[in-house]
Amino acid sequence: MLMGKPHSSSDEDLVPVSEMQEEWARKAFSGFKALNRIQYKVFPCAYHSNDNLLICAPTGAGKTNIALRTILRVIRQHQAGDMVHLDQ
C-alpha cells in the first residue's frame, strides 16, 4: 500500500506511455498519453521487475492497466525477435 502525504500531480510527475521501450507494448495503450498517479507509483515494479504487487485502489483507478503492464513484461521476457516462446 502506498502511503504518504497527499501529492498534487502535475504533468512532470507522470510517466509517458512512450517510456515503454517496445512499440508493440505501447500499442496496448494507444490513446493514453501518460500513466495516472497510481500507475506512475507502481510503474517501475510493474514493468521492470518480477516483484509481487498488491494494489488496493478505488474503482476506476487503473488497476487493470497495471495488471496489463505486468503481462506485457512477462511477454517481453519470453520474446525473441517477433516470436514469443509460449513453451517457456
PDB file of N, CA and C in Angstrom:
ATOM      1  N   MET A   1       0.843  -1.173   0.000  1.00  0.00           N
ATOM      2  CA  MET A   1       0.000   0.000   0.000  1.00  0.00           C
ATOM      3  C   MET A   1       0.889   1.238   0.000  1.00  0.00           C
ATOM      4  N   LEU A   2       0.555   2.190  -0.816  1.00  0.00           N
ATOM      5  CA  LEU A   2       1.311   3.422  -0.887  1.00  0.00           C
ATOM      6  C   LEU A   2       0.760   4.395   0.139  1.00  0.00           C
ATOM      7  N   MET A   3       1.635   4.897   0.964  1.00  0.00           N
ATOM      8  CA  MET A   3       1.198   5.841   1.983  1.00  0.00           C
ATOM      9  C   MET A   3       2.094   7.053   1.927  1.00  0.00           C
ATOM     10  N   GLY A   4       1.630   8.131   2.450  1.00  0.00           N
ATOM     11  CA  GLY A   4       2.442   9.333   2.493  1.00  0.00           C
ATOM     12  C   GLY A   4       1.554  10.550   2.416  1.00  0.00           C
ATOM     13  N   LYS A   5       2.211  11.685   2.294  1.00  0.00           N
ATOM     14  CA  LYS A   5       1.477  12.930   2.221  1.00  0.00           C
ATOM     15  C   LYS A   5       0.730  13.012   0.894  1.00  0.00           C
ATOM     16  N   PRO A   6      -0.448  13.635   0.911  1.00  0.00           N
ATOM     17  CA  PRO A   6      -1.148  13.837  -0.356  1.00  0.00           C
ATOM     18  C   PRO A   6      -0.234  14.572  -1.326  1.00  0.00           C
ATOM     19  N   HIS A   7      -0.356  14.236  -2.570  1.00  0.00           N
ATOM     20  CA  HIS A   7       0.538  14.756  -3.580  1.00  0.00           C
ATOM     21  C   HIS A   7      -0.298  15.288  -4.721  1.00  0.00           C
ATOM     22  N   SER A   8      -0.074  16.510  -5.102  1.00  0.00           N
ATOM     23  CA  SER A   8      -0.788  17.015  -6.267  1.00  0.00           C
ATOM     24  C   SER A   8       0.024  16.667  -7.497  1.00  0.00           C
ATOM     25  N   SER A   9      -0.612  16.029  -8.428  1.00  0.00           N
ATOM     26  CA  SER A   9       0.059  15.534  -9.622  1.00  0.00           C
ATOM     27  C   SER A   9       0.147  16.629 -10.666  1.00  0.00           C
ATOM     28  N   SER A  10       1.276  16.727 -11.303  1.00  0.00           N
ATOM     29  CA  SER A  10       1.426  17.632 -12.429  1.00  0.00           C
ATOM     30  C   SER A  10       1.924  16.819 -13.611  1.00  0.00           C
ATOM     31  N   ASP A  11       1.939  17.422 -14.778  1.00  0.00           N
ATOM     32  CA  ASP A  11       2.372  16.704 -15.970  1.00  0.00           C
ATOM     33  C   ASP A  11       3.794  16.186 -15.831  1.00  0.00           C
ATOM     34  N   GLU A  12       4.644  16.881 -15.069  1.00  0.00           N
ATOM     35  CA  GLU A  12       6.023  16.441 -14.912  1.00  0.00           C
ATOM     36  C   GLU A  12       6.123  15.168 -14.080  1.00  0.00           C
ATOM     37  N   ASP A  13       5.121  14.879 -13.257  1.00  0.00           N
ATOM     38  CA  ASP A  13       5.131  13.707 -12.389  1.00  0.00           C
ATOM     39  C   ASP A  13       4.739  12.431 -13.115  1.00  0.00           C
ATOM     40  N   LEU A  14       4.086  12.541 -14.241  1.00  0.00           N
ATOM     41  CA  LEU A  14       3.502  11.375 -14.892  1.00  0.00           C
ATOM     42  C   LEU A  14       4.504  10.707 -15.835  1.00  0.00           C
ATOM     43  N   VAL A  15       4.402   9.387 -15.951  1.00  0.00           N
ATOM     44  CA  VAL A  15       5.271   8.623 -16.846  1.00  0.00           C
ATOM     45  C   VAL A  15       4.575   8.550 -18.203  1.00  0.00           C
ATOM     46  N   PRO A  16       5.207   9.084 -19.262  1.00  0.00           N
ATOM     47  CA  PRO A  16       4.580   8.978 -20.577  1.00  0.00           C
ATOM     48  C   PRO A  16       4.539   7.526 -21.045  1.00  0.00           C
ATOM     49  N   VAL A  17       3.478   7.153 -21.719  1.00  0.00           N
ATOM     50  CA  VAL A  17       3.364   5.803 -22.253  1.00  0.00           C
ATOM     51  C   VAL A  17       4.527   5.529 -23.201  1.00  0.00           C
ATOM     52  N   SER A  18       5.055   6.556 -23.816  1.00  0.00           N
ATOM     53  CA  SER A  18       6.185   6.398 -24.739  1.00  0.00           C
ATOM     54  C   SER A  18       7.433   5.863 -24.042  1.00  0.00           C
ATOM     55  N   GLU A  19       7.459   5.859 -22.693  1.00  0.00           N
ATOM     56  CA  GLU A  19       8.605   5.325 -21.967  1.00  0.00           C
ATOM     57  C   GLU A  19       8.682   3.798 -22.063  1.00  0.00           C
ATOM     58  N   MET A  20       7.579   3.170 -22.443  1.00  0.00           N
ATOM     59  CA  MET A  20       7.641   1.730 -22.693  1.00  0.00           C
ATOM     60  C   MET A  20       8.543   1.537 -23.896  1.00  0.00           C
ATOM     61  N   GLN A  21       9.559   0.707 -23.741  1.00  0.00           N
ATOM     62  CA  GLN A  21      10.586   0.599 -24.766  1.00  0.00           C
ATOM     63  C   GLN A  21      10.075   0.012 -26.071  1.00  0.00           C
ATOM     64  N   GLU A  22       9.216  -0.958 -26.012  1.00  0.00           N
ATOM     65  CA  GLU A  22       8.794  -1.665 -27.208  1.00  0.00           C
ATOM     66  C   GLU A  22       7.536  -1.039 -27.806  1.00  0.00           C
ATOM     67  N   GLU A  23       7.563  -0.881 -29.119  1.00  0.00           N
ATOM     68  CA  GLU A  23       6.408  -0.308 -29.806  1.00  0.00           C
ATOM     69  C   GLU A  23       5.174  -1.178 -29.621  1.00  0.00           C
ATOM     70  N   TRP A  24       5.352  -2.509 -29.668  1.00  0.00           N
ATOM     71  CA  TRP A  24       4.204  -3.403 -29.520  1.00  0.00           C
ATOM     72  C   TRP A  24       3.557  -3.238 -28.151  1.00  0.00           C
ATOM     73  N   ALA A  25       4.336  -2.936 -27.112  1.00  0.00           N
ATOM     74  CA  ALA A  25       3.768  -2.723 -25.778  1.00  0.00           C
ATOM     75  C   ALA A  25       3.020  -1.391 -25.718  1.00  0.00           C
ATOM     76  N   ARG A  26       3.562  -0.385 -26.375  1.00  0.00           N
ATOM     77  CA  ARG A  26       2.889   0.928 -26.399  1.00  0.00           C
ATOM     78  C   ARG A  26       1.532   0.831 -27.100  1.00  0.00           C
ATOM     79  N   LYS A  27       1.420  -0.054 -28.089  1.00  0.00           N
ATOM     80  CA  LYS A  27       0.156  -0.193 -28.829  1.00  0.00           C
ATOM     81  C   LYS A  27      -0.978  -0.652 -27.913  1.00  0.00           C
ATOM     82  N   ALA A  28      -0.653  -1.389 -26.864  1.00  0.00           N
ATOM     83  CA  ALA A  28      -1.686  -1.827 -25.926  1.00  0.00           C
ATOM     84  C   ALA A  28      -2.315  -0.649 -25.194  1.00  0.00           C
ATOM     85  N   PHE A  29      -1.631   0.496 -25.209  1.00  0.00           N
ATOM     86  CA  PHE A  29      -2.121   1.688 -24.509  1.00  0.00           C
ATOM     87  C   PHE A  29      -2.324   2.852 -25.466  1.00  0.00           C
ATOM     88  N   SER A  30      -2.689   2.541 -26.718  1.00  0.00           N
ATOM     89  CA  SER A  30      -2.946   3.627 -27.665  1.00  0.00           C
ATOM     90  C   SER A  30      -4.104   4.465 -27.134  1.00  0.00           C
ATOM     91  N   GLY A  31      -3.991   5.739 -27.294  1.00  0.00           N
ATOM     92  CA  GLY A  31      -4.999   6.647 -26.764  1.00  0.00           C
ATOM     93  C   GLY A  31      -4.640   7.202 -25.394  1.00  0.00           C
ATOM     94  N   PHE A  32      -3.650   6.598 -24.729  1.00  0.00           N
ATOM     95  CA  PHE A  32      -3.172   7.093 -23.435  1.00  0.00           C
ATOM     96  C   PHE A  32      -1.902   7.898 -23.658  1.00  0.00           C
ATOM     97  N   LYS A  33      -1.802   9.067 -23.071  1.00  0.00           N
ATOM     98  CA  LYS A  33      -0.566   9.856 -23.158  1.00  0.00           C
ATOM     99  C   LYS A  33       0.367   9.527 -22.010  1.00  0.00           C
ATOM    100  N   ALA A  34      -0.188   9.345 -20.828  1.00  0.00           N
ATOM    101  CA  ALA A  34       0.642   9.115 -19.637  1.00  0.00           C
ATOM    102  C   ALA A  34      -0.116   8.243 -18.648  1.00  0.00           C
ATOM    103  N   LEU A  35       0.627   7.681 -17.718  1.00  0.00           N
ATOM    104  CA  LEU A  35       0.041   6.891 -16.642  1.00  0.00           C
ATOM    105  C   LEU A  35      -0.572   7.820 -15.608  1.00  0.00           C
ATOM    106  N   ASN A  36      -1.639   7.378 -14.948  1.00  0.00           N
ATOM    107  CA  ASN A  36      -2.190   8.190 -13.871  1.00  0.00           C
ATOM    108  C   ASN A  36      -1.297   8.071 -12.634  1.00  0.00           C
ATOM    109  N   ARG A  37      -1.653   8.734 -11.560  1.00  0.00           N
ATOM    110  CA  ARG A  37      -0.761   8.807 -10.404  1.00  0.00           C
ATOM    111  C   ARG A  37      -0.497   7.443  -9.772  1.00  0.00           C
ATOM    112  N   ILE A  38      -1.497   6.613  -9.626  1.00  0.00           N
ATOM    113  CA  ILE A  38      -1.298   5.283  -9.037  1.00  0.00           C
ATOM    114  C   ILE A  38      -0.424   4.433  -9.957  1.00  0.00           C
ATOM    115  N   GLN A  39      -0.713   4.463 -11.251  1.00  0.00           N
ATOM    116  CA  GLN A  39       0.092   3.703 -12.211  1.00  0.00           C
ATOM    117  C   GLN A  39       1.534   4.194 -12.225  1.00  0.00           C
ATOM    118  N   TYR A  40       1.714   5.500 -12.090  1.00  0.00           N
ATOM    119  CA  TYR A  40       3.046   6.096 -12.040  1.00  0.00           C
ATOM    120  C   TYR A  40       3.844   5.557 -10.851  1.00  0.00           C
ATOM    121  N   LYS A  41       3.192   5.448  -9.708  1.00  0.00           N
ATOM    122  CA  LYS A  41       3.881   4.987  -8.488  1.00  0.00           C
ATOM    123  C   LYS A  41       4.360   3.546  -8.607  1.00  0.00           C
ATOM    124  N   VAL A  42       3.599   2.688  -9.282  1.00  0.00           N
ATOM    125  CA  VAL A  42       3.974   1.273  -9.360  1.00  0.00           C
ATOM    126  C   VAL A  42       4.659   0.914 -10.674  1.00  0.00           C
ATOM    127  N   PHE A  43       4.813   1.872 -11.586  1.00  0.00           N
ATOM    128  CA  PHE A  43       5.393   1.589 -12.897  1.00  0.00           C
ATOM    129  C   PHE A  43       6.735   0.862 -12.819  1.00  0.00           C
ATOM    130  N   PRO A  44       7.703   1.310 -12.021  1.00  0.00           N
ATOM    131  CA  PRO A  44       8.996   0.606 -12.007  1.00  0.00           C
ATOM    132  C   PRO A  44       8.867  -0.865 -11.618  1.00  0.00           C
ATOM    133  N   CYS A  45       8.030  -1.159 -10.660  1.00  0.00           N
ATOM    134  CA  CYS A  45       7.846  -2.542 -10.225  1.00  0.00           C
ATOM    135  C   CYS A  45       7.027  -3.336 -11.238  1.00  0.00           C
ATOM    136  N   ALA A  46       5.968  -2.742 -11.765  1.00  0.00           N
ATOM    137  CA  ALA A  46       5.069  -3.454 -12.670  1.00  0.00           C
ATOM    138  C   ALA A  46       5.690  -3.732 -14.028  1.00  0.00           C
ATOM    139  N   TYR A  47       6.577  -2.864 -14.496  1.00  0.00           N
ATOM    140  CA  TYR A  47       7.088  -3.007 -15.853  1.00  0.00           C
ATOM    141  C   TYR A  47       8.553  -3.412 -15.923  1.00  0.00           C
ATOM    142  N   HIS A  48       9.287  -3.246 -14.821  1.00  0.00           N
ATOM    143  CA  HIS A  48      10.725  -3.508 -14.877  1.00  0.00           C
ATOM    144  C   HIS A  48      11.222  -4.548 -13.878  1.00  0.00           C
ATOM    145  N   SER A  49      10.330  -5.227 -13.164  1.00  0.00           N
ATOM    146  CA  SER A  49      10.804  -6.211 -12.192  1.00  0.00           C
ATOM    147  C   SER A  49       9.840  -7.392 -12.118  1.00  0.00           C
ATOM    148  N   ASN A  50      10.277  -8.423 -11.439  1.00  0.00           N
ATOM    149  CA  ASN A  50       9.427  -9.586 -11.198  1.00  0.00           C
ATOM    150  C   ASN A  50       8.883  -9.584  -9.774  1.00  0.00           C
ATOM    151  N   ASP A  51       8.948  -8.452  -9.094  1.00  0.00           N
ATOM    152  CA  ASP A  51       8.430  -8.348  -7.734  1.00  0.00           C
ATOM    153  C   ASP A  51       6.915  -8.530  -7.719  1.00  0.00           C
ATOM    154  N   ASN A  52       6.414  -9.066  -6.617  1.00  0.00           N
ATOM    155  CA  ASN A  52       4.973  -9.211  -6.436  1.00  0.00           C
ATOM    156  C   ASN A  52       4.353  -7.851  -6.145  1.00  0.00           C
ATOM    157  N   LEU A  53       3.107  -7.697  -6.544  1.00  0.00           N
ATOM    158  CA  LEU A  53       2.376  -6.456  -6.305  1.00  0.00           C
ATOM    159  C   LEU A  53       1.036  -6.768  -5.653  1.00  0.00           C
ATOM    160  N   LEU A  54       0.613  -5.917  -4.760  1.00  0.00           N
ATOM    161  CA  LEU A  54      -0.741  -5.938  -4.235  1.00  0.00           C
ATOM    162  C   LEU A  54      -1.237  -4.503  -4.336  1.00  0.00           C
ATOM    163  N   ILE A  55      -2.217  -4.294  -5.184  1.00  0.00           N
ATOM    164  CA  ILE A  55      -2.716  -2.949  -5.448  1.00  0.00           C
ATOM    165  C   ILE A  55      -4.113  -2.817  -4.852  1.00  0.00           C
ATOM    166  N   CYS A  56      -4.266  -1.883  -3.949  1.00  0.00           N
ATOM    167  CA  CYS A  56      -5.572  -1.568  -3.368  1.00  0.00           C
ATOM    168  C   CYS A  56      -5.895  -0.137  -3.766  1.00  0.00           C
ATOM    169  N   ALA A  57      -6.915   0.023  -4.574  1.00  0.00           N
ATOM    170  CA  ALA A  57      -7.281   1.353  -5.058  1.00  0.00           C
ATOM    171  C   ALA A  57      -8.758   1.333  -5.435  1.00  0.00           C
ATOM    172  N   PRO A  58      -9.370   2.502  -5.474  1.00  0.00           N
ATOM    173  CA  PRO A  58     -10.803   2.569  -5.807  1.00  0.00           C
ATOM    174  C   PRO A  58     -11.085   2.128  -7.248  1.00  0.00           C
ATOM    175  N   THR A  59     -12.335   1.819  -7.493  1.00  0.00           N
ATOM    176  CA  THR A  59     -12.788   1.502  -8.841  1.00  0.00           C
ATOM    177  C   THR A  59     -12.422   2.652  -9.779  1.00  0.00           C
ATOM    178  N   GLY A  60     -11.900   2.300 -10.943  1.00  0.00           N
ATOM    179  CA  GLY A  60     -11.542   3.315 -11.933  1.00  0.00           C
ATOM    180  C   GLY A  60     -10.168   3.911 -11.738  1.00  0.00           C
ATOM    181  N   ALA A  61      -9.391   3.379 -10.797  1.00  0.00           N
ATOM    182  CA  ALA A  61      -8.075   3.947 -10.502  1.00  0.00           C
ATOM    183  C   ALA A  61      -6.980   3.465 -11.448  1.00  0.00           C
ATOM    184  N   GLY A  62      -7.241   2.426 -12.228  1.00  0.00           N
ATOM    185  CA  GLY A  62      -6.255   1.955 -13.186  1.00  0.00           C
ATOM    186  C   GLY A  62      -5.596   0.640 -12.840  1.00  0.00           C
ATOM    187  N   LYS A  63      -6.211  -0.139 -11.961  1.00  0.00           N
ATOM    188  CA  LYS A  63      -5.620  -1.428 -11.549  1.00  0.00           C
ATOM    189  C   LYS A  63      -5.521  -2.402 -12.715  1.00  0.00           C
ATOM    190  N   THR A  64      -6.511  -2.429 -13.587  1.00  0.00           N
ATOM    191  CA  THR A  64      -6.479  -3.342 -14.735  1.00  0.00           C
ATOM    192  C   THR A  64      -5.323  -2.991 -15.664  1.00  0.00           C
ATOM    193  N   ASN A  65      -5.074  -1.716 -15.879  1.00  0.00           N
ATOM    194  CA  ASN A  65      -3.947  -1.309 -16.724  1.00  0.00           C
ATOM    195  C   ASN A  65      -2.610  -1.654 -16.075  1.00  0.00           C
ATOM    196  N   ILE A  66      -2.531  -1.633 -14.759  1.00  0.00           N
ATOM    197  CA  ILE A  66      -1.314  -2.072 -14.069  1.00  0.00           C
ATOM    198  C   ILE A  66      -1.101  -3.561 -14.333  1.00  0.00           C
ATOM    199  N   ALA A  67      -2.169  -4.340 -14.226  1.00  0.00           N
ATOM    200  CA  ALA A  67      -2.074  -5.777 -14.495  1.00  0.00           C
ATOM    201  C   ALA A  67      -1.647  -6.027 -15.940  1.00  0.00           C
ATOM    202  N   LEU A  68      -2.169  -5.250 -16.869  1.00  0.00           N
ATOM    203  CA  LEU A  68      -1.777  -5.393 -18.273  1.00  0.00           C
ATOM    204  C   LEU A  68      -0.288  -5.112 -18.455  1.00  0.00           C
ATOM    205  N   ARG A  69       0.249  -4.145 -17.744  1.00  0.00           N
ATOM    206  CA  ARG A  69       1.683  -3.869 -17.829  1.00  0.00           C
ATOM    207  C   ARG A  69       2.518  -5.059 -17.361  1.00  0.00           C
ATOM    208  N   THR A  70       2.072  -5.717 -16.311  1.00  0.00           N
ATOM    209  CA  THR A  70       2.832  -6.888 -15.836  1.00  0.00           C
ATOM    210  C   THR A  70       2.761  -8.018 -16.853  1.00  0.00           C
ATOM    211  N   ILE A  71       1.636  -8.167 -17.531  1.00  0.00           N
ATOM    212  CA  ILE A  71       1.508  -9.180 -18.576  1.00  0.00           C
ATOM    213  C   ILE A  71       2.443  -8.865 -19.737  1.00  0.00           C
ATOM    214  N   LEU A  72       2.515  -7.601 -20.134  1.00  0.00           N
ATOM    215  CA  LEU A  72       3.431  -7.199 -21.210  1.00  0.00           C
ATOM    216  C   LEU A  72       4.883  -7.480 -20.830  1.00  0.00           C
ATOM    217  N   ARG A  73       5.219  -7.279 -19.563  1.00  0.00           N
ATOM    218  CA  ARG A  73       6.579  -7.551 -19.108  1.00  0.00           C
ATOM    219  C   ARG A  73       6.904  -9.038 -19.240  1.00  0.00           C
ATOM    220  N   VAL A  74       5.973  -9.893 -18.857  1.00  0.00           N
ATOM    221  CA  VAL A  74       6.197 -11.336 -18.966  1.00  0.00           C
ATOM    222  C   VAL A  74       6.329 -11.749 -20.431  1.00  0.00           C
ATOM    223  N   ILE A  75       5.511 -11.189 -21.293  1.00  0.00           N
ATOM    224  CA  ILE A  75       5.637 -11.486 -22.722  1.00  0.00           C
ATOM    225  C   ILE A  75       7.018 -11.074 -23.209  1.00  0.00           C
ATOM    226  N   ARG A  76       7.464  -9.898 -22.816  1.00  0.00           N
ATOM    227  CA  ARG A  76       8.785  -9.402 -23.223  1.00  0.00           C
ATOM    228  C   ARG A  76       9.889 -10.351 -22.765  1.00  0.00           C
ATOM    229  N   GLN A  77       9.757 -10.949 -21.595  1.00  0.00           N
ATOM    230  CA  GLN A  77      10.780 -11.855 -21.083  1.00  0.00           C
ATOM    231  C   GLN A  77      10.914 -13.113 -21.923  1.00  0.00           C
ATOM    232  N   HIS A  78       9.865 -13.493 -22.631  1.00  0.00           N
ATOM    233  CA  HIS A  78       9.865 -14.735 -23.411  1.00  0.00           C
ATOM    234  C   HIS A  78       9.825 -14.468 -24.912  1.00  0.00           C
ATOM    235  N   GLN A  79      10.244 -13.273 -25.292  1.00  0.00           N
ATOM    236  CA  GLN A  79      10.205 -12.877 -26.679  1.00  0.00           C
ATOM    237  C   GLN A  79      11.604 -12.933 -27.281  1.00  0.00           C
ATOM    238  N   ALA A  80      11.668 -13.400 -28.497  1.00  0.00           N
ATOM    239  CA  ALA A  80      12.911 -13.382 -29.268  1.00  0.00           C
ATOM    240  C   ALA A  80      12.561 -12.859 -30.650  1.00  0.00           C
ATOM    241  N   GLY A  81      12.963 -11.646 -30.951  1.00  0.00           N
ATOM    242  CA  GLY A  81      12.565 -11.033 -32.208  1.00  0.00           C
ATOM    243  C   GLY A  81      11.067 -10.814 -32.213  1.00  0.00           C
ATOM    244  N   ASP A  82      10.418 -11.310 -33.256  1.00  0.00           N
ATOM    245  CA  ASP A  82       8.960 -11.170 -33.355  1.00  0.00           C
ATOM    246  C   ASP A  82       8.217 -12.373 -32.804  1.00  0.00           C
ATOM    247  N   MET A  83       8.947 -13.319 -32.241  1.00  0.00           N
ATOM    248  CA  MET A  83       8.347 -14.554 -31.735  1.00  0.00           C
ATOM    249  C   MET A  83       8.272 -14.543 -30.207  1.00  0.00           C
ATOM    250  N   VAL A  84       7.199 -15.115 -29.675  1.00  0.00           N
ATOM    251  CA  VAL A  84       7.053 -15.313 -28.238  1.00  0.00           C
ATOM    252  C   VAL A  84       7.121 -16.826 -28.002  1.00  0.00           C
ATOM    253  N   HIS A  85       8.036 -17.239 -27.143  1.00  0.00           N
ATOM    254  CA  HIS A  85       8.199 -18.658 -26.846  1.00  0.00           C
ATOM    255  C   HIS A  85       7.177 -19.090 -25.800  1.00  0.00           C
ATOM    256  N   LEU A  86       6.054 -19.609 -26.255  1.00  0.00           N
ATOM    257  CA  LEU A  86       4.946 -19.965 -25.367  1.00  0.00           C
ATOM    258  C   LEU A  86       5.289 -21.119 -24.456  1.00  0.00           C
ATOM    259  N   ASP A  87       6.246 -21.959 -24.846  1.00  0.00           N
ATOM    260  CA  ASP A  87       6.602 -23.123 -24.015  1.00  0.00           C
ATOM    261  C   ASP A  87       7.432 -22.718 -22.810  1.00  0.00           C
ATOM    262  N   GLN A  88       7.889 -21.492 -22.744  1.00  0.00           N
ATOM    263  CA  GLN A  88       8.677 -21.031 -21.615  1.00  0.00           C
ATOM    264  C   GLN A  88       7.790 -20.320 -20.622  1.00  0.00           C
TER     265      GLN A  88
END
